[in-house]
Amino acid sequence: MTALARSLELRGHEVILFGIADTEERVRAAGIGFHPIGAQDYPPGSLHKLDERMARLKGVAALRFTLQRVRNSARMVLRDGPQAVRAANVDVLLVDEADFAGNVADHLGLPWISIALLPPLLHDDRFPPFWLGWAAGMDGLSRLRNRLAMRLLLRIGAPIFREINTQRSAWGLKPYERPEDGLSPLAQITQLPEALEFPIQGEKPAGLHYTGPFVHARQRPEIDFPWERLDGRPLIYASLGTFQNGSETIFRTIADACAGLHAQLLISVGGGLDPGSLNNLAGSPLVVRFAPQLKILKKAALVITHAGINTVLESLAEGVPLVAIPLGNDQPGVAARLKARGAGVVVSRHRLTPHRLRKAIRLVLEEPPYRDAAQRLQRSIQQLDGPGRAAELIEQVLQLRSADCCLPAPV
């Protein structure tokens, strides 16, 4: 969101990002205006505790925990959002699809646009729901399966929708009946490049706009890194992300799988694990808490990832193929798209062994089609200015002129 906000500011708009206390430092460091909300529910330090708990969960447990977080966040946004938006005197809301702040816009009579940082929520049975690792399909069985999965999502998310509809009723607004009711009627903008979407016949869903990765390299914090320890062998970069990063077993499996290959393994453990806990790994890989990812990817021959959308997009922007081990939430859906486009191999965490992972690693390293596919996606992504294109679309949809209106962008 800070990347999108920066592009809007460069076009002359004033931007305010609404968020909890733990996000303020990073937002202000990016030079973006900030307005705090949720002080009662999320005092400083809350985000780290939630992420630590998330790091220990996988699969259905991770999804349930995420849904509970979404419900709590929605409750906070509905309670604190109207007053905060009025106080900031904003004209337009840009709403992360996961945050339900469109309800605040409806209540205040403001126009708003949905922003999909994850694969977009689609009301189209050609596409599987974003959290599933299924392939897309036009056949009747695939489309039936997708419709049933969306019904399951509605059932799982029922407590969230009850919470939202209670408040909508109190505000005199029509209740939500389907998940897609929570999307903007004006536009849905996703940072997913269309080149990475499932190759589906026919028109794309109405109102959906693919742009490209929301990245501004200059907004990344500087990270100390022992560059002198890179030894010149092909570099395999392994990261399970910043939030879902507590699986010591998976990191050890990765090290076992890479041991003996003519390659150097770099493991970034993120915030969920102490690098010191990964002693005596096979092959003696380089282990750090955080790596300067954008710079590392320029040197990498292969990325092993949980299939978080940001790592996948940033890897493909450098033409680097991937081996994906999705752990939960949207990651299976991202991995399925990666596989469909031929730029990587997916290994189920339920069947993860050093042998299976090594086989996948060697396949991606040694078979040219994977790198070729990644480089095709790279060429497509390099032609995109995701934040800039999103800013243009926002102006077009709202019939704004640059430097003519204030555009607040709440998360």
Protein backbone atom coordinates (compact mmCIF):
# COMPACT_ATOMS: atom_id res chain seq x y z
CA MET A 1 0.00 0.00 0.00
CA THR A 2 2.90 2.40 0.63
CA ALA A 3 4.09 1.82 -2.95
CA LEU A 4 0.65 2.68 -4.29
CA ALA A 5 0.42 5.68 -1.98
CA ARG A 6 3.79 6.94 -3.23
CA SER A 7 2.67 6.73 -6.85
CA LEU A 8 -0.47 8.70 -6.03
CA GLU A 9 1.58 11.36 -4.28
CA LEU A 10 3.87 11.64 -7.30
CA ARG A 11 0.73 12.44 -9.32
CA GLY A 12 -0.10 15.29 -6.97
CA HIS A 13 -2.59 13.68 -4.59
CA GLU A 14 -2.51 13.82 -0.82
CA VAL A 15 -2.53 10.35 0.74
CA ILE A 16 -3.26 9.18 4.27
CA LEU A 17 -2.84 5.56 5.28
CA PHE A 18 -4.98 4.38 8.19
CA GLY A 19 -3.46 1.62 10.33
CA ILE A 20 -2.66 0.26 13.76
CA ALA A 21 0.23 1.55 15.87
CA ASP A 22 2.72 -1.13 14.83
CA THR A 23 2.53 -0.02 11.18
CA GLU A 24 3.14 3.68 11.79
CA GLU A 25 6.94 3.68 11.79
CA ARG A 26 7.24 1.88 8.46
CA VAL A 27 4.54 4.01 6.82
CA ARG A 28 6.13 7.27 7.96
CA ALA A 29 9.58 5.99 6.94
CA ALA A 30 8.17 5.63 3.43
CA GLY A 31 7.15 9.29 3.57
CA ILE A 32 3.41 8.59 3.67
CA GLY A 33 0.90 10.34 5.93
CA PHE A 34 -0.48 8.15 8.72
CA HIS A 35 -3.64 8.20 10.84
CA PRO A 36 -3.82 5.68 13.72
CA ILE A 37 -6.87 3.52 14.38
CA GLY A 38 -7.45 0.56 16.67
CA ALA A 39 -5.52 1.79 19.71
CA GLN A 40 -7.95 -0.02 22.00
CA ASP A 41 -7.57 -3.39 20.29
CA TYR A 42 -4.01 -3.23 18.92
CA PRO A 43 -1.61 -1.40 21.26
CA PRO A 44 2.08 -1.32 20.25
CA GLY A 45 3.54 -4.83 20.08
CA SER A 46 0.26 -6.55 19.12
CA LEU A 47 1.28 -7.27 15.54
CA HIS A 48 4.45 -9.09 16.56
CA LYS A 49 2.53 -11.32 18.97
CA LEU A 50 -0.06 -12.17 16.33
CA ASP A 51 2.65 -12.93 13.76
CA GLU A 52 4.51 -15.16 16.21
CA ARG A 53 1.37 -17.20 16.75
CA MET A 54 0.68 -17.30 13.01
CA ALA A 55 4.20 -18.62 12.42
CA ARG A 56 3.33 -21.78 14.34
CA LEU A 57 0.21 -22.57 12.30
CA LYS A 58 -0.32 -24.20 8.92
CA GLY A 59 -3.15 -25.26 6.63
CA VAL A 60 -6.69 -25.12 8.04
CA ALA A 61 -5.46 -23.88 11.41
CA ALA A 62 -3.70 -20.98 9.71
CA LEU A 63 -6.83 -20.17 7.71
CA ARG A 64 -9.04 -20.20 10.81
CA PHE A 65 -6.63 -17.99 12.71
CA THR A 66 -6.47 -15.61 9.75
CA LEU A 67 -10.28 -15.45 9.58
CA GLN A 68 -10.41 -14.62 13.28
CA ARG A 69 -7.87 -11.85 12.73
CA VAL A 70 -9.96 -10.55 9.85
CA ARG A 71 -13.08 -10.59 12.03
CA ASN A 72 -11.34 -8.70 14.84
CA SER A 73 -9.90 -6.22 12.37
CA ALA A 74 -13.30 -5.71 10.72
CA ARG A 75 -14.88 -5.01 14.10
CA MET A 76 -12.19 -2.42 14.84
CA VAL A 77 -12.48 -0.77 11.42
CA LEU A 78 -16.27 -0.53 11.66
CA ARG A 79 -16.04 1.02 15.12
CA ASP A 80 -13.12 3.42 14.64
CA GLY A 81 -13.18 3.99 10.90
CA PRO A 82 -15.99 6.53 10.51
CA GLN A 83 -14.60 8.96 13.07
CA ALA A 84 -11.05 8.61 11.72
CA VAL A 85 -12.13 9.19 8.12
CA ARG A 86 -14.20 12.23 9.07
CA ALA A 87 -11.30 13.65 11.10
CA ALA A 88 -8.93 13.23 8.15
CA ASN A 89 -11.42 14.96 5.83
CA VAL A 90 -10.91 12.51 2.99
CA ASP A 91 -12.69 12.25 -0.34
CA VAL A 92 -12.04 8.66 -1.49
CA LEU A 93 -11.14 5.37 0.18
CA LEU A 94 -8.87 2.72 -1.30
CA VAL A 95 -9.64 -0.46 0.59
CA ASP A 96 -7.55 -3.58 1.02
CA GLU A 97 -9.97 -6.42 0.23
CA ALA A 98 -9.12 -8.09 3.55
CA ASP A 99 -10.20 -5.13 5.68
CA PHE A 100 -13.88 -4.40 4.89
CA ALA A 101 -13.41 -0.64 5.15
CA GLY A 102 -15.74 -0.29 2.16
CA ASN A 103 -18.54 -0.42 4.71
CA VAL A 104 -17.22 2.79 6.24
CA ALA A 105 -17.25 4.39 2.79
CA ASP A 106 -20.84 3.24 2.22
CA HIS A 107 -21.86 4.64 5.59
CA LEU A 108 -20.23 8.01 4.89
CA GLY A 109 -21.36 8.16 1.27
CA LEU A 110 -17.80 8.15 -0.11
CA PRO A 111 -16.65 6.47 -3.34
CA TRP A 112 -14.24 3.60 -2.82
CA ILE A 113 -12.15 1.11 -4.78
CA SER A 114 -11.07 -2.41 -3.81
CA ILE A 115 -7.33 -3.13 -3.79
CA ALA A 116 -6.27 -6.79 -3.98
CA LEU A 117 -2.77 -7.29 -2.62
CA LEU A 118 -3.36 -11.06 -2.67
CA PRO A 119 -4.89 -12.93 -5.63
CA PRO A 120 -8.23 -11.20 -6.10
CA LEU A 121 -11.52 -12.52 -4.81
CA LEU A 122 -13.41 -13.41 -7.99
CA HIS A 123 -17.10 -14.07 -8.50
CA ASP A 124 -16.38 -16.34 -11.46
CA ASP A 125 -16.62 -20.12 -11.27
CA ARG A 126 -13.86 -20.57 -13.84
CA PHE A 127 -11.40 -19.65 -11.09
CA PRO A 128 -10.85 -21.57 -7.85
CA PRO A 129 -11.08 -19.49 -4.66
CA PHE A 130 -7.80 -17.74 -3.88
CA TRP A 131 -6.80 -20.00 -0.96
CA LEU A 132 -7.00 -23.29 -2.91
CA GLY A 133 -4.25 -24.89 -4.96
CA TRP A 134 -6.52 -26.13 -7.73
CA ALA A 135 -6.01 -25.47 -11.38
CA ALA A 136 -8.59 -23.33 -13.17
CA GLY A 137 -10.84 -24.99 -15.72
CA MET A 138 -13.71 -24.47 -18.11
CA ASP A 139 -15.23 -27.94 -17.74
CA GLY A 140 -18.41 -28.48 -15.77
CA LEU A 141 -16.81 -30.48 -12.96
CA SER A 142 -14.16 -27.83 -12.28
CA ARG A 143 -16.73 -25.06 -12.23
CA LEU A 144 -19.02 -27.01 -9.89
CA ARG A 145 -16.10 -27.65 -7.55
CA ASN A 146 -15.29 -23.95 -7.50
CA ARG A 147 -18.88 -22.98 -6.73
CA LEU A 148 -18.99 -25.42 -3.84
CA ALA A 149 -15.71 -24.05 -2.51
CA MET A 150 -17.10 -20.51 -2.55
CA ARG A 151 -20.10 -21.72 -0.57
CA LEU A 152 -17.68 -23.21 1.93
CA LEU A 153 -15.89 -19.87 2.18
CA LEU A 154 -19.20 -18.17 2.93
CA ARG A 155 -19.92 -20.73 5.65
CA ILE A 156 -16.46 -20.42 7.20
CA GLY A 157 -16.64 -16.64 7.04
CA ALA A 158 -20.20 -16.46 8.40
CA PRO A 159 -19.14 -14.94 11.76
CA ILE A 160 -17.36 -12.14 9.90
CA PHE A 161 -20.37 -11.39 7.72
CA ARG A 162 -22.71 -11.47 10.73
CA GLU A 163 -20.50 -8.89 12.43
CA ILE A 164 -20.48 -6.71 9.34
CA ASN A 165 -24.21 -7.05 8.63
CA THR A 166 -25.12 -6.13 12.20
CA GLN A 167 -23.29 -2.85 11.74
CA ARG A 168 -24.64 -2.31 8.21
CA SER A 169 -28.17 -2.76 9.51
CA ALA A 170 -27.49 -0.25 12.28
CA TRP A 171 -26.31 2.18 9.59
CA GLY A 172 -29.38 1.51 7.43
CA LEU A 173 -27.36 -0.26 4.71
CA LYS A 174 -28.33 -3.37 2.75
CA PRO A 175 -26.75 -6.50 4.29
CA TYR A 176 -24.11 -8.51 2.46
CA GLU A 177 -25.37 -11.81 1.04
CA ARG A 178 -22.24 -13.08 -0.76
CA PRO A 179 -18.48 -12.62 -0.26
CA GLU A 180 -18.24 -10.57 -3.45
CA ASP A 181 -20.73 -8.06 -2.02
CA GLY A 182 -17.75 -6.71 -0.08
CA LEU A 183 -16.04 -5.58 -3.30
CA SER A 184 -16.28 -2.08 -4.67
CA PRO A 185 -18.99 -1.55 -7.30
CA LEU A 186 -16.61 0.86 -9.07
CA ALA A 187 -13.45 -1.19 -9.58
CA GLN A 188 -11.23 -3.96 -8.23
CA ILE A 189 -7.51 -3.36 -8.75
CA THR A 190 -5.00 -6.17 -8.18
CA GLN A 191 -1.22 -6.12 -8.11
CA LEU A 192 -1.29 -9.59 -9.69
CA PRO A 193 0.04 -9.32 -13.26
CA GLU A 194 -2.36 -10.73 -15.81
CA ALA A 195 0.53 -12.80 -17.18
CA LEU A 196 0.57 -14.76 -13.90
CA GLU A 197 -3.20 -15.29 -13.76
CA PHE A 198 -4.64 -18.62 -14.85
CA PRO A 199 -4.89 -18.79 -18.65
CA ILE A 200 -8.68 -18.77 -18.97
CA GLN A 201 -10.71 -18.46 -22.15
CA GLY A 202 -13.23 -15.63 -22.42
CA GLU A 203 -13.49 -12.20 -20.91
CA LYS A 204 -12.07 -11.41 -17.48
CA PRO A 205 -14.52 -10.57 -14.68
CA ALA A 206 -16.17 -7.18 -15.02
CA GLY A 207 -14.55 -4.37 -13.07
CA LEU A 208 -11.29 -6.26 -12.48
CA HIS A 209 -8.03 -4.56 -13.42
CA TYR A 210 -4.66 -6.34 -13.39
CA THR A 211 -1.70 -4.02 -12.90
CA GLY A 212 1.60 -5.42 -11.63
CA PRO A 213 3.65 -5.67 -8.42
CA PHE A 214 3.30 -2.79 -5.98
CA VAL A 215 7.01 -2.32 -5.31
CA HIS A 216 9.20 0.71 -4.68
CA ALA A 217 12.74 -0.52 -4.01
CA ARG A 218 13.70 2.75 -2.35
CA GLN A 219 11.08 2.21 0.32
CA ARG A 220 12.80 -0.97 1.55
CA PRO A 221 14.82 -0.61 4.77
CA GLU A 222 18.55 -1.23 4.50
CA ILE A 223 19.64 -4.66 5.77
CA ASP A 224 23.15 -5.62 6.81
CA PHE A 225 24.20 -8.74 4.91
CA PRO A 226 27.49 -10.70 4.78
CA TRP A 227 28.03 -10.41 1.03
CA GLU A 228 31.59 -11.72 1.43
CA ARG A 229 30.19 -15.13 2.40
CA LEU A 230 28.64 -15.73 -1.03
CA ASP A 231 31.13 -18.09 -2.67
CA GLY A 232 30.26 -17.81 -6.37
CA ARG A 233 28.35 -21.09 -6.75
CA PRO A 234 24.78 -20.91 -8.13
CA LEU A 235 22.71 -19.39 -5.35
CA ILE A 236 19.55 -21.04 -4.00
CA TYR A 237 17.57 -18.58 -1.89
CA ALA A 238 15.09 -20.05 0.60
CA SER A 239 12.54 -17.95 2.46
CA LEU A 240 9.22 -18.84 4.03
CA GLY A 241 8.28 -15.19 4.44
CA THR A 242 8.19 -12.77 7.33
CA PHE A 243 5.03 -13.95 9.06
CA GLN A 244 4.69 -17.73 8.56
CA ASN A 245 8.22 -18.60 9.35
CA GLY A 246 8.30 -20.81 12.42
CA SER A 247 8.89 -24.20 10.84
CA GLU A 248 12.36 -25.35 11.78
CA THR A 249 11.56 -28.76 10.29
CA ILE A 250 10.94 -27.34 6.82
CA PHE A 251 14.18 -25.37 6.86
CA ARG A 252 16.08 -28.51 7.86
CA THR A 253 14.38 -30.42 5.05
CA ILE A 254 15.44 -27.70 2.61
CA ALA A 255 19.03 -27.94 3.82
CA ASP A 256 19.00 -31.73 3.48
CA ALA A 257 17.60 -31.47 -0.03
CA CYS A 258 20.25 -28.98 -1.15
CA ALA A 259 23.24 -30.68 0.47
CA GLY A 260 25.59 -32.09 -2.14
CA LEU A 261 24.23 -29.97 -5.00
CA HIS A 262 26.65 -27.70 -6.83
CA ALA A 263 24.98 -24.65 -5.33
CA GLN A 264 25.11 -22.45 -2.24
CA LEU A 265 22.00 -22.32 -0.08
CA LEU A 266 21.00 -19.05 1.60
CA ILE A 267 18.22 -19.33 4.20
CA SER A 268 16.35 -16.25 5.45
CA VAL A 269 14.39 -17.28 8.53
CA GLY A 270 12.42 -14.02 8.92
CA GLY A 271 10.95 -12.95 12.22
CA GLY A 272 9.50 -16.28 13.31
CA LEU A 273 12.71 -18.15 14.13
CA ASP A 274 16.11 -17.47 15.67
CA PRO A 275 18.90 -18.24 13.17
CA GLY A 276 20.87 -19.71 16.07
CA SER A 277 18.31 -22.50 16.41
CA LEU A 278 19.32 -23.84 12.99
CA ASN A 279 22.68 -25.28 13.97
CA ASN A 280 24.45 -28.13 12.19
CA LEU A 281 22.38 -27.92 9.01
CA ALA A 282 23.37 -30.29 6.21
CA GLY A 283 25.64 -28.62 3.67
CA SER A 284 26.46 -25.69 6.00
CA PRO A 285 24.16 -23.12 4.34
CA LEU A 286 24.33 -19.40 5.06
CA VAL A 287 21.53 -18.59 7.52
CA VAL A 288 20.38 -15.03 8.30
CA ARG A 289 17.33 -13.54 9.95
CA PHE A 290 16.58 -11.17 7.07
CA ALA A 291 18.14 -10.78 3.63
CA PRO A 292 18.00 -7.80 1.25
CA GLN A 293 15.63 -9.75 -0.95
CA LEU A 294 15.50 -7.51 -4.02
CA LYS A 295 19.30 -7.54 -4.25
CA ILE A 296 19.63 -11.27 -3.51
CA LEU A 297 17.15 -12.15 -6.25
CA LYS A 298 19.44 -10.55 -8.82
CA LYS A 299 22.03 -13.20 -7.95
CA ALA A 300 19.75 -16.20 -7.35
CA ALA A 301 19.47 -19.23 -9.64
CA LEU A 302 16.43 -20.62 -7.79
CA VAL A 303 14.05 -19.53 -5.04
CA ILE A 304 12.46 -21.93 -2.56
CA THR A 305 9.40 -20.21 -1.15
CA HIS A 306 6.12 -20.62 0.71
CA ALA A 307 4.55 -18.95 -2.36
CA GLY A 308 3.76 -15.68 -0.66
CA ILE A 309 2.67 -13.36 -3.44
CA ASN A 310 5.34 -10.72 -2.83
CA THR A 311 8.25 -13.18 -2.95
CA VAL A 312 6.82 -14.84 -6.06
CA LEU A 313 6.30 -11.54 -7.88
CA GLU A 314 9.72 -10.21 -6.92
CA SER A 315 11.41 -13.46 -8.00
CA LEU A 316 9.66 -13.47 -11.37
CA ALA A 317 10.55 -9.80 -11.86
CA GLU A 318 14.17 -11.03 -11.92
CA GLY A 319 13.39 -14.07 -14.10
CA VAL A 320 14.13 -16.56 -11.31
CA PRO A 321 12.17 -19.86 -11.30
CA LEU A 322 10.79 -21.21 -8.04
CA VAL A 323 10.03 -24.28 -6.00
CA ALA A 324 6.92 -23.57 -3.92
CA ILE A 325 5.97 -25.16 -0.59
CA PRO A 326 2.66 -23.43 0.20
CA LEU A 327 1.80 -23.38 3.90
CA GLY A 328 -1.65 -21.77 4.04
CA ASN A 329 -3.92 -18.79 3.35
CA ASP A 330 -3.48 -17.49 -0.22
CA GLN A 331 -0.22 -19.37 -0.85
CA PRO A 332 -1.76 -22.48 -2.49
CA GLY A 333 -3.56 -20.21 -4.95
CA VAL A 334 -0.38 -18.31 -5.80
CA ALA A 335 1.52 -21.59 -6.22
CA ALA A 336 -1.18 -22.97 -8.52
CA ARG A 337 -0.83 -19.94 -10.78
CA LEU A 338 2.95 -20.31 -10.77
CA LYS A 339 2.62 -23.95 -11.80
CA ALA A 340 0.01 -23.14 -14.47
CA ARG A 341 2.43 -20.68 -16.06
CA GLY A 342 5.30 -23.18 -15.99
CA ALA A 343 7.69 -21.07 -13.91
CA GLY A 344 7.96 -23.41 -10.96
CA VAL A 345 7.20 -26.70 -9.26
CA VAL A 346 4.88 -27.11 -6.29
CA VAL A 347 5.72 -29.56 -3.47
CA SER A 348 2.96 -30.24 -0.94
CA ARG A 349 4.08 -29.67 2.62
CA HIS A 350 2.13 -32.83 3.55
CA ARG A 351 4.41 -34.91 1.29
CA LEU A 352 7.58 -32.93 1.86
CA THR A 353 10.72 -35.06 2.16
CA PRO A 354 14.34 -34.26 1.29
CA HIS A 355 14.12 -36.68 -1.64
CA ARG A 356 10.98 -35.11 -3.14
CA LEU A 357 12.28 -31.60 -2.61
CA ARG A 358 15.69 -32.40 -4.09
CA LYS A 359 13.97 -33.87 -7.15
CA ALA A 360 11.96 -30.66 -7.59
CA ILE A 361 15.03 -28.47 -7.10
CA ARG A 362 17.07 -30.37 -9.67
CA LEU A 363 14.18 -30.34 -12.11
CA VAL A 364 13.82 -26.56 -11.94
CA LEU A 365 17.59 -25.94 -12.00
CA GLU A 366 18.38 -28.32 -14.83
CA GLU A 367 15.34 -28.16 -17.14
CA PRO A 368 15.38 -24.99 -19.30
CA PRO A 369 11.57 -24.62 -19.67
CA TYR A 370 11.21 -23.44 -16.07
CA ARG A 371 13.74 -20.63 -16.43
CA ASP A 372 12.36 -19.82 -19.87
CA ALA A 373 8.86 -19.44 -18.40
CA ALA A 374 10.20 -17.29 -15.55
CA GLN A 375 12.00 -15.07 -18.02
CA ARG A 376 8.87 -14.69 -20.15
CA LEU A 377 7.06 -13.51 -17.05
CA GLN A 378 10.01 -11.26 -16.26
CA ARG A 379 9.72 -9.56 -19.63
CA SER A 380 6.00 -9.04 -19.05
CA ILE A 381 6.48 -7.67 -15.53
CA GLN A 382 9.31 -5.36 -16.61
CA GLN A 383 6.88 -3.63 -18.93
CA LEU A 384 4.58 -2.87 -16.02
CA ASP A 385 4.54 -0.05 -13.52
CA GLY A 386 2.10 -1.61 -11.09
CA PRO A 387 1.68 1.32 -8.67
CA GLY A 388 1.69 3.84 -11.51
CA ARG A 389 -0.90 1.91 -13.51
CA ALA A 390 -3.07 1.51 -10.42
CA ALA A 391 -2.89 5.26 -9.78
CA GLU A 392 -3.95 5.94 -13.39
CA LEU A 393 -6.89 3.56 -13.06
CA ILE A 394 -7.99 5.21 -9.83
CA GLU A 395 -8.03 8.58 -11.55
CA GLN A 396 -9.89 7.20 -14.56
CA VAL A 397 -12.54 5.36 -12.56
CA LEU A 398 -13.17 8.35 -10.30
CA GLN A 399 -12.78 10.87 -13.13
CA LEU A 400 -10.06 12.71 -11.27
CA ARG A 401 -7.24 14.85 -12.58
CA SER A 402 -3.72 14.72 -11.18
CA ALA A 403 -3.19 17.23 -8.39
CA ASP A 404 -6.94 17.82 -8.26
CA CYS A 405 -8.11 15.73 -5.33
CA CYS A 406 -6.97 14.14 -2.09
CA LEU A 407 -6.84 10.34 -2.23
CA PRO A 408 -6.62 8.66 1.16
CA ALA A 409 -5.61 5.00 1.12
CA PRO A 410 -6.61 3.09 4.24
CA VAL A 411 -5.43 -0.45 4.78
